[in-house]
Protein backbone atom coordinates (compact mmCIF):
# COMPACT_ATOMS: atom_id res chain seq x y z
CA MET A 1 0.06 0.24 0.02
CA ARG A 2 1.16 3.28 -0.66
CA ASP A 3 1.95 5.95 2.08
CA LYS A 4 -0.31 8.62 2.15
CA ASN A 5 2.05 11.00 3.61
CA ALA A 6 4.83 10.13 0.68
CA ALA A 7 5.42 13.12 -1.85
CA ARG A 8 2.84 13.06 -4.96
CA PHE A 9 3.83 13.78 -8.26
CA ASP A 10 1.54 15.28 -10.87
CA MET A 11 2.31 13.45 -14.30
CA ARG A 12 -0.31 14.96 -16.61
CA GLU A 13 1.48 18.38 -17.68
CA GLY A 14 5.07 17.38 -16.73
CA ASP A 15 4.99 19.11 -13.30
CA PHE A 16 5.39 17.74 -9.76
CA PHE A 17 4.33 19.04 -6.30
CA ILE A 18 4.78 18.38 -2.65
CA VAL A 19 1.70 17.81 -0.59
CA THR A 20 2.85 19.22 2.64
CA LYS A 21 6.12 19.93 4.23
CA ALA A 22 5.21 17.40 7.14
CA SER A 23 4.83 14.76 4.45
CA VAL A 24 8.20 15.28 2.78
CA GLN A 25 9.84 15.17 6.10
CA SER A 26 8.32 11.71 6.88
CA SER A 27 8.99 10.57 3.36
CA ALA A 28 11.71 8.31 2.05
CA VAL A 29 11.89 10.54 -1.06
CA THR A 30 14.54 12.64 -1.04
CA PHE A 31 14.87 16.47 -2.60
CA ALA A 32 17.69 14.79 -4.54
CA GLU A 33 15.80 11.89 -5.82
CA ILE A 34 12.88 14.19 -6.80
CA LEU A 35 15.38 16.86 -8.81
CA LYS A 36 16.71 13.52 -10.27
CA PHE A 37 13.23 12.63 -11.40
CA ASP A 38 12.49 15.96 -12.37
CA GLU A 39 15.62 16.21 -14.84
CA ALA A 40 15.56 12.71 -16.05
CA LYS A 41 11.51 13.02 -17.22
CA HIS A 42 11.24 16.74 -17.77
CA PRO A 43 14.47 18.84 -18.65
CA ARG A 44 14.63 22.50 -17.67
CA ASP A 45 16.39 25.03 -19.64
CA LYS A 46 19.16 27.36 -18.27
CA ALA A 47 16.60 29.59 -16.66
CA GLY A 48 14.87 26.71 -14.73
CA LYS A 49 11.72 26.37 -16.73
CA PHE A 50 10.37 23.10 -18.34
CA LYS A 51 11.38 23.06 -21.78
CA GLU A 52 8.64 22.52 -24.13
CA ARG A 53 8.62 19.19 -26.27
CA GLY A 54 9.56 19.67 -29.75
CA ALA A 55 7.30 18.72 -32.65
CA ILE A 56 8.80 15.49 -33.70
CA GLU A 57 9.24 14.18 -30.03
CA GLN A 58 5.32 15.25 -29.40
CA LYS A 59 4.56 13.07 -32.41
CA PHE A 60 6.67 10.52 -31.64
CA ARG A 61 4.82 10.51 -28.22
CA ASP A 62 1.32 10.30 -30.11
CA PHE A 63 2.69 7.53 -32.05
CA GLN A 64 3.43 5.26 -29.12
CA ALA A 65 0.10 6.34 -27.19
CA LEU A 66 -1.75 4.65 -30.21
CA VAL A 67 0.61 1.62 -30.38
CA LYS A 68 -0.03 1.34 -26.55
CA ARG A 69 -4.03 1.29 -27.06
CA GLY A 70 -3.49 -1.75 -29.82
CA GLU A 71 -1.20 -3.67 -27.03
CA ARG A 72 -3.85 -3.44 -24.55
CA GLU A 73 -6.49 -4.66 -27.08
CA ASP A 74 -4.17 -7.70 -27.63
CA VAL A 75 -3.47 -8.48 -23.74
CA HIS A 76 -7.38 -8.79 -23.46
CA LEU A 77 -7.86 -11.12 -26.58
CA ASP A 78 -4.69 -13.40 -25.22
CA ARG A 79 -6.24 -13.51 -22.04
CA MET A 80 -10.06 -14.59 -23.29
CA ARG A 81 -8.33 -16.95 -25.62
CA LYS A 82 -6.53 -18.94 -22.96
CA GLY A 83 -9.70 -18.95 -20.93
CA MET A 84 -11.68 -20.26 -23.75
CA ALA A 85 -8.88 -22.90 -24.28
CA GLU A 86 -8.85 -24.08 -20.41
CA ALA A 87 -12.80 -24.05 -20.34
CA TRP A 88 -12.78 -26.72 -23.51
CA GLN A 89 -9.96 -28.66 -21.70
CA VAL A 90 -12.34 -29.20 -19.03
CA TRP A 91 -14.97 -30.08 -21.29
CA ALA A 92 -12.79 -32.70 -22.88
CA GLU A 93 -11.75 -34.06 -19.69
CA ASP A 94 -15.48 -34.78 -18.57
CA ILE A 95 -16.26 -36.27 -22.13
CA LYS A 96 -13.11 -38.52 -21.64
CA ASN A 97 -14.33 -39.77 -18.60
CA ARG A 98 -18.16 -39.91 -19.49
CA LYS A 99 -18.10 -44.07 -19.79
CA LYS A 100 -17.68 -44.19 -16.12
CA PRO A 101 -20.85 -44.74 -14.14
CA LEU A 102 -22.54 -41.68 -13.16
CA LYS A 103 -22.69 -40.72 -9.43
CA PRO A 104 -25.54 -39.00 -7.86
CA ASP A 105 -23.24 -35.97 -7.11
CA GLY A 106 -24.24 -34.00 -10.34
CA ALA A 107 -21.22 -35.44 -12.59
CA ALA A 108 -23.82 -35.06 -15.40
CA ALA A 109 -24.86 -31.62 -14.80
CA LYS A 110 -20.81 -30.91 -14.15
CA LYS A 111 -20.74 -32.05 -17.72
CA LEU A 112 -23.25 -29.91 -19.20
CA ASP A 113 -22.01 -26.77 -17.40
CA SER A 114 -18.15 -27.15 -18.71
CA TYR A 115 -19.69 -27.34 -21.98
CA LYS A 116 -21.92 -24.37 -21.79
CA LYS A 117 -19.25 -22.35 -20.38
CA ALA A 118 -16.50 -23.13 -23.03
CA LYS A 119 -19.15 -22.38 -25.74
CA ALA A 120 -19.95 -19.02 -23.96
CA LEU A 121 -16.63 -18.31 -23.72
CA GLU A 122 -16.01 -19.09 -27.35
CA GLU A 123 -18.84 -17.07 -28.60
CA GLU A 124 -17.95 -14.10 -26.46
CA PHE A 125 -14.25 -14.38 -27.75
CA HIS A 126 -15.12 -14.59 -31.42
CA ALA A 127 -17.53 -11.35 -30.87
CA ARG A 128 -14.64 -9.50 -29.13
CA TYR A 129 -11.97 -10.55 -31.91
CA GLU A 130 -14.05 -9.39 -34.71
CA THR A 131 -14.56 -5.93 -32.84
CA ALA A 132 -10.79 -5.89 -31.83
CA ARG A 133 -9.84 -6.60 -35.40
CA MET A 134 -11.73 -3.83 -36.65
CA LYS A 135 -10.38 -1.39 -34.04
CA LYS A 136 -6.97 -2.49 -35.07
CA SER A 137 -7.74 -1.69 -38.56
CA GLU A 138 -8.82 1.75 -37.48
CA LEU A 139 -5.79 1.96 -35.18
CA GLU A 140 -3.42 1.57 -38.21
CA LYS A 141 -5.23 3.80 -40.20
CA LYS A 142 -4.55 6.34 -37.48
CA VAL A 143 -0.97 5.41 -37.27
CA ARG A 144 -0.39 6.18 -40.99
CA LYS A 145 -2.05 9.36 -40.95
CA LEU A 146 -0.16 10.45 -38.01
CA LEU A 147 3.27 9.11 -39.54
CA LYS A 148 2.68 11.49 -43.05
CA VAL A 149 4.37 14.84 -42.79
CA PRO A 150 3.03 17.96 -44.46
CA GLU A 151 3.19 18.18 -47.78
CA ASP A 152 6.08 21.28 -48.03
CA GLN A 153 8.31 19.38 -46.05
CA ARG A 154 8.45 15.81 -48.25
CA SER A 155 11.77 15.09 -49.84
CA SER A 156 12.18 16.21 -53.74
CA VAL A 157 13.06 12.83 -54.78
CA THR A 158 12.55 12.00 -58.53
CA PHE A 159 13.22 9.18 -60.80
CA LYS A 160 14.22 9.13 -64.34
CA PRO A 161 15.25 6.35 -66.33
CA ASP A 162 18.90 5.33 -66.53
CA PRO A 163 19.79 5.84 -70.31
CA LYS A 164 22.70 3.22 -69.81
CA ALA A 165 20.56 0.54 -68.32
CA PRO A 166 17.14 1.37 -68.91
CA ALA A 167 14.03 -0.15 -66.51
CA ASN A 168 10.93 -1.90 -68.33
CA ASP A 169 7.82 0.25 -68.30
CA PHE A 170 6.19 -2.10 -65.93
CA LEU A 171 8.97 -1.99 -63.30
CA THR A 172 8.92 1.67 -63.73
CA LYS A 173 5.43 2.09 -63.10
CA GLN A 174 5.77 0.15 -59.62
CA ALA A 175 8.85 2.10 -58.84
CA SER A 176 7.03 5.27 -59.42
CA GLN A 177 3.96 4.25 -57.03
CA ALA A 178 6.47 3.05 -54.40
CA LEU A 179 8.41 6.44 -54.22
CA ALA A 180 4.88 8.41 -54.21
CA VAL A 181 4.45 6.42 -51.01
CA LEU A 182 7.90 6.96 -49.62
CA ARG A 183 7.45 10.65 -50.11
CA GLN A 184 4.42 10.98 -48.24
CA PHE A 185 6.54 9.89 -45.09
CA ASP A 186 9.65 11.31 -45.85
CA GLY A 187 10.16 14.79 -44.22
CA SER A 188 13.86 14.57 -44.52
CA GLY A 189 13.42 17.18 -47.25
CA PRO A 190 15.03 18.23 -50.80
CA LEU A 191 17.87 16.24 -51.56
CA VAL A 192 20.55 19.15 -51.28
CA PRO A 193 23.57 18.50 -53.01
CA THR A 194 26.45 18.00 -51.13
CA LYS A 195 29.68 19.57 -51.93
CA PHE A 196 32.97 17.78 -52.16
CA PRO A 197 36.29 19.73 -52.46
CA ALA A 198 38.18 19.51 -55.94
CA ASP A 199 41.13 17.96 -54.28
CA LYS A 200 38.90 14.86 -52.93
CA MET A 201 37.94 13.91 -56.30
CA ASP A 202 40.65 11.26 -56.80
CA GLU A 203 39.78 9.66 -53.65
CA LEU A 204 36.32 9.71 -54.55
CA LYS A 205 36.74 8.46 -57.76
CA LYS A 206 38.52 5.22 -56.39
CA ILE A 207 35.28 4.83 -54.20
CA PHE A 208 32.69 5.29 -56.87
CA GLY A 209 34.68 4.46 -60.37
CA GLU A 210 34.16 5.66 -63.51
CA PRO A 211 32.29 7.26 -65.17
CA SER A 212 32.48 9.81 -62.45
CA PRO A 213 28.90 10.77 -61.10
CA PHE A 214 29.80 14.06 -60.07
CA VAL A 215 29.31 17.27 -61.62
CA LEU A 216 30.79 20.49 -61.31
CA ASN A 217 29.02 23.31 -59.05
CA ASP A 218 28.59 26.96 -60.23
CA ASP A 219 31.52 28.11 -58.04
CA GLY A 220 33.76 26.18 -60.09
CA GLU A 221 35.45 24.73 -57.27
CA THR A 222 33.47 22.07 -55.74
CA TYR A 223 31.26 18.81 -57.20
CA SER A 224 28.18 17.35 -56.10
CA ILE A 225 26.14 14.48 -56.45
CA PRO A 226 23.18 14.83 -58.92
CA THR A 227 19.93 14.97 -56.77
CA THR A 228 17.51 13.35 -59.40
CA LEU A 229 17.87 9.61 -59.01
CA HIS A 230 18.32 7.40 -62.23
CA LEU A 231 16.05 4.27 -62.13
CA ALA A 232 17.64 1.31 -63.43
CA LYS A 233 17.10 -2.64 -63.51
CA ALA A 234 19.93 -4.71 -61.62
CA SER A 235 22.01 -6.60 -64.08
CA SER A 236 22.78 -8.87 -61.22
CA GLY A 237 20.41 -10.73 -58.74
CA ARG A 238 20.32 -8.09 -56.03
CA ALA A 239 18.97 -4.31 -55.92
CA HIS A 240 21.17 -2.07 -55.02
CA ALA A 241 21.82 1.97 -54.55
CA THR A 242 24.43 3.94 -56.75
CA ILE A 243 26.02 7.09 -56.13
CA ALA A 244 23.57 8.34 -58.94
CA GLY A 245 20.11 6.39 -58.33
CA ILE A 246 18.91 2.71 -57.54
CA ALA A 247 18.91 -0.45 -59.59
CA LEU A 248 16.04 -2.79 -58.78
CA ALA A 249 15.71 -6.56 -59.38
CA PRO A 250 12.21 -7.62 -59.69
CA GLY A 251 13.45 -11.63 -59.09
CA MET A 252 15.41 -11.43 -56.09
CA GLY A 253 12.45 -12.28 -53.80
CA HIS A 254 11.49 -8.72 -52.25
CA SER A 255 8.82 -6.54 -53.53
CA VAL A 256 9.60 -3.45 -55.73
CA ASP A 257 7.94 -1.43 -52.76
CA ARG A 258 10.42 -3.01 -50.19
CA GLN A 259 13.55 -2.38 -52.62
CA VAL A 260 12.45 1.27 -53.45
CA PHE A 261 12.26 1.89 -49.83
CA HIS A 262 15.57 0.15 -48.88
CA GLU A 263 17.37 1.90 -51.82
CA VAL A 264 16.51 5.37 -51.90
CA ALA A 265 16.82 5.40 -47.95
CA HIS A 266 20.74 5.22 -48.86
CA HIS A 267 20.53 8.41 -50.33
CA ILE A 268 19.41 9.97 -47.23
CA GLU A 269 22.71 9.17 -45.85
CA MET A 270 24.49 10.31 -48.83
CA ASN A 271 23.07 13.54 -48.70
CA SER A 272 23.02 14.28 -44.90
CA PHE A 273 26.39 14.28 -43.04
CA ALA A 274 24.32 14.49 -39.84
CA ALA A 275 22.04 11.47 -40.87
CA LYS A 276 24.91 9.36 -41.56
CA ALA A 277 26.74 10.43 -38.31
CA ALA A 278 23.59 9.47 -36.13
CA ALA A 279 23.28 5.81 -38.51
CA VAL A 280 26.86 5.31 -37.68
CA ALA A 281 26.19 6.08 -33.82
CA PHE A 282 23.34 3.84 -33.70
CA ARG A 283 25.30 1.07 -35.37
CA GLU A 284 28.31 1.00 -32.76
CA SER A 285 25.88 1.61 -29.59
CA GLN A 286 24.47 -1.67 -30.49
CA ALA A 287 27.83 -3.73 -31.51
CA ASN A 288 29.73 -5.63 -29.12
CA GLN A 289 32.54 -4.40 -27.24
CA PRO A 290 35.36 -4.80 -28.13
CA ARG A 291 34.26 -4.75 -31.53
CA GLU A 292 33.82 -8.23 -33.65
CA ILE A 293 33.53 -8.73 -37.50
CA TYR A 294 32.54 -11.53 -39.01
CA LYS A 295 31.28 -12.60 -42.68
CA LEU A 296 27.54 -12.14 -43.10
CA ASN A 297 27.36 -15.42 -45.09
CA GLU A 298 27.69 -16.98 -41.78
CA VAL A 299 24.27 -16.07 -40.96
CA ASN A 300 22.81 -15.74 -44.65
CA HIS A 301 24.41 -18.08 -47.27
CA GLY A 302 22.71 -15.98 -49.89
CA LEU A 303 25.28 -12.95 -49.06
CA GLU A 304 28.91 -12.79 -50.86
CA ASP A 305 31.93 -13.63 -49.13
CA ASP A 306 33.27 -10.05 -48.85
CA GLU A 307 30.35 -8.58 -46.84
CA ILE A 308 31.17 -7.92 -43.62
CA ALA A 309 29.35 -6.78 -40.38
CA LEU A 310 29.61 -6.18 -36.43
CA ARG A 311 28.23 -8.62 -34.06
CA GLY A 312 26.01 -7.11 -31.62
CA LYS A 313 22.34 -6.45 -30.42
CA PHE A 314 20.99 -6.49 -34.42
CA PRO A 315 17.64 -8.45 -34.42
CA ASP A 316 18.84 -8.46 -38.28
CA PRO A 317 22.19 -9.06 -38.57
CA TYR A 318 22.47 -7.12 -41.67
CA VAL A 319 21.74 -3.76 -39.88
CA GLY A 320 25.22 -4.26 -38.49
CA LYS A 321 27.08 -4.45 -41.73
CA LEU A 322 30.29 -2.33 -42.70
CA TYR A 323 31.40 -0.90 -45.62
CA LYS A 324 34.99 -0.74 -46.82
CA ASP A 325 34.77 2.45 -47.85
CA ASP A 326 32.49 3.66 -44.98
CA PHE A 327 30.52 5.83 -47.24
CA SER A 328 27.16 4.40 -46.14
CA THR A 329 25.61 1.88 -43.57
CA GLU A 330 22.34 -0.26 -43.79
CA VAL A 331 20.99 1.37 -40.56
CA ILE A 332 18.72 3.97 -42.03
CA SER A 333 17.91 1.68 -45.49
CA THR A 334 16.84 -1.39 -43.57
CA GLY A 335 15.07 1.26 -40.81
CA VAL A 336 12.92 2.94 -43.44
CA GLU A 337 12.27 -0.03 -45.04
CA SER A 338 10.81 -1.65 -41.76
CA TYR A 339 9.12 1.58 -40.89
CA LEU A 340 7.05 1.61 -44.00
CA MET A 341 6.14 -1.84 -44.22
CA ASP A 342 4.93 -2.38 -40.79
CA PRO A 343 5.76 0.74 -38.46
CA ILE A 344 3.79 -0.69 -35.41
CA ARG A 345 5.49 -4.14 -35.53
CA PHE A 346 8.89 -2.13 -36.11
CA SER A 347 8.12 0.01 -32.99
CA GLN A 348 7.34 -3.05 -30.88
CA ASP A 349 10.31 -5.34 -31.97
CA ARG A 350 13.38 -2.65 -32.52
CA PRO A 351 12.01 0.62 -30.56
CA GLU A 352 15.79 2.31 -30.29
CA HIS A 353 16.11 2.10 -34.12
CA PHE A 354 12.27 2.88 -34.69
CA LYS A 355 12.85 5.97 -32.79
CA LEU A 356 15.95 6.81 -34.96
CA ILE A 357 14.04 6.17 -38.05
CA PHE A 358 11.05 8.41 -36.73
CA GLU A 359 13.58 11.48 -36.47
CA VAL A 360 15.31 11.00 -39.62
CA MET A 361 11.77 10.96 -41.48
CA HIS A 362 10.49 13.61 -39.59
CA GLY A 363 13.09 16.12 -40.53
CA LYS A 364 15.40 16.29 -37.79
CA TYR A 365 18.31 15.84 -39.83
CA ARG A 366 17.31 17.99 -42.58
CA GLY A 367 20.07 20.21 -44.26
CA GLN A 368 22.84 19.14 -42.21
């Protein structure tokens, strides 16, 4: 039982208050603990006032609240499902023993009652399940609506056919539809060309090869990556991002939607140093210490022998992949893919990864 003299906290608006001076003196809660609670949950600015939540943080909290509602409904359904199974088990045991002589102690009535109970629970469960299914559907619609970003904040990604490796018309149409979906949720903003100094071009050409994808900027001193993405059909069996665009592989076993989400997301890193830094920081935070590097085909035989990754707390080992040139990661690409395919499951299974992608897709690193 809670001590009625203990300090009381008001969580509604992030404020707390002490009931009486006497209650604090008699309480085990010290001022140091109160201040620690205050700073951890409700940080203050330099003037000592509570900081207001930013738009991205508030939207993230709204999303979490929606997901919690769905989780509560799942708990109710699981409890009812378990109760129904137990009731049918009781009835089954009664039936198994029905050949035994009935005693005048209500054994027959007991059999009938156990069946009625199981049947009633089953009917209640199915009615509840149908209601829950409809609620879940409405919840998913609300989640999708919440995750969309205002039109003026959406990225300006566009496709154009790669003249050297044109995609077929059907693939182009599918990719364009997937890109339209991605843009509804992508607040990373326009792909602003990243400027590379001229004295770094030799080094960059070694990474990206020839012909050079870079174009000279108006200042005559720096080069940039073009912002319109080339769309091509991959000559090999796997989709991939290039410095100038993406190449899709319809026969690789993943839908075109999934491939577009994944490969276009690589360009968020390419065009935002801050997003790339956040992705690297996340990857390292999930890695084992000391760092352990291994070949990815140890866990996925479909990958190449030279593909390596960090061991760590990665539900999907591919998220820990390392590139020799360190120009890219798989943190944002795999995250955006999961974010757009099934945001609720992603947030439940990988909450830390989800939060990073939520921030990326709502423009936290825009223009940095």
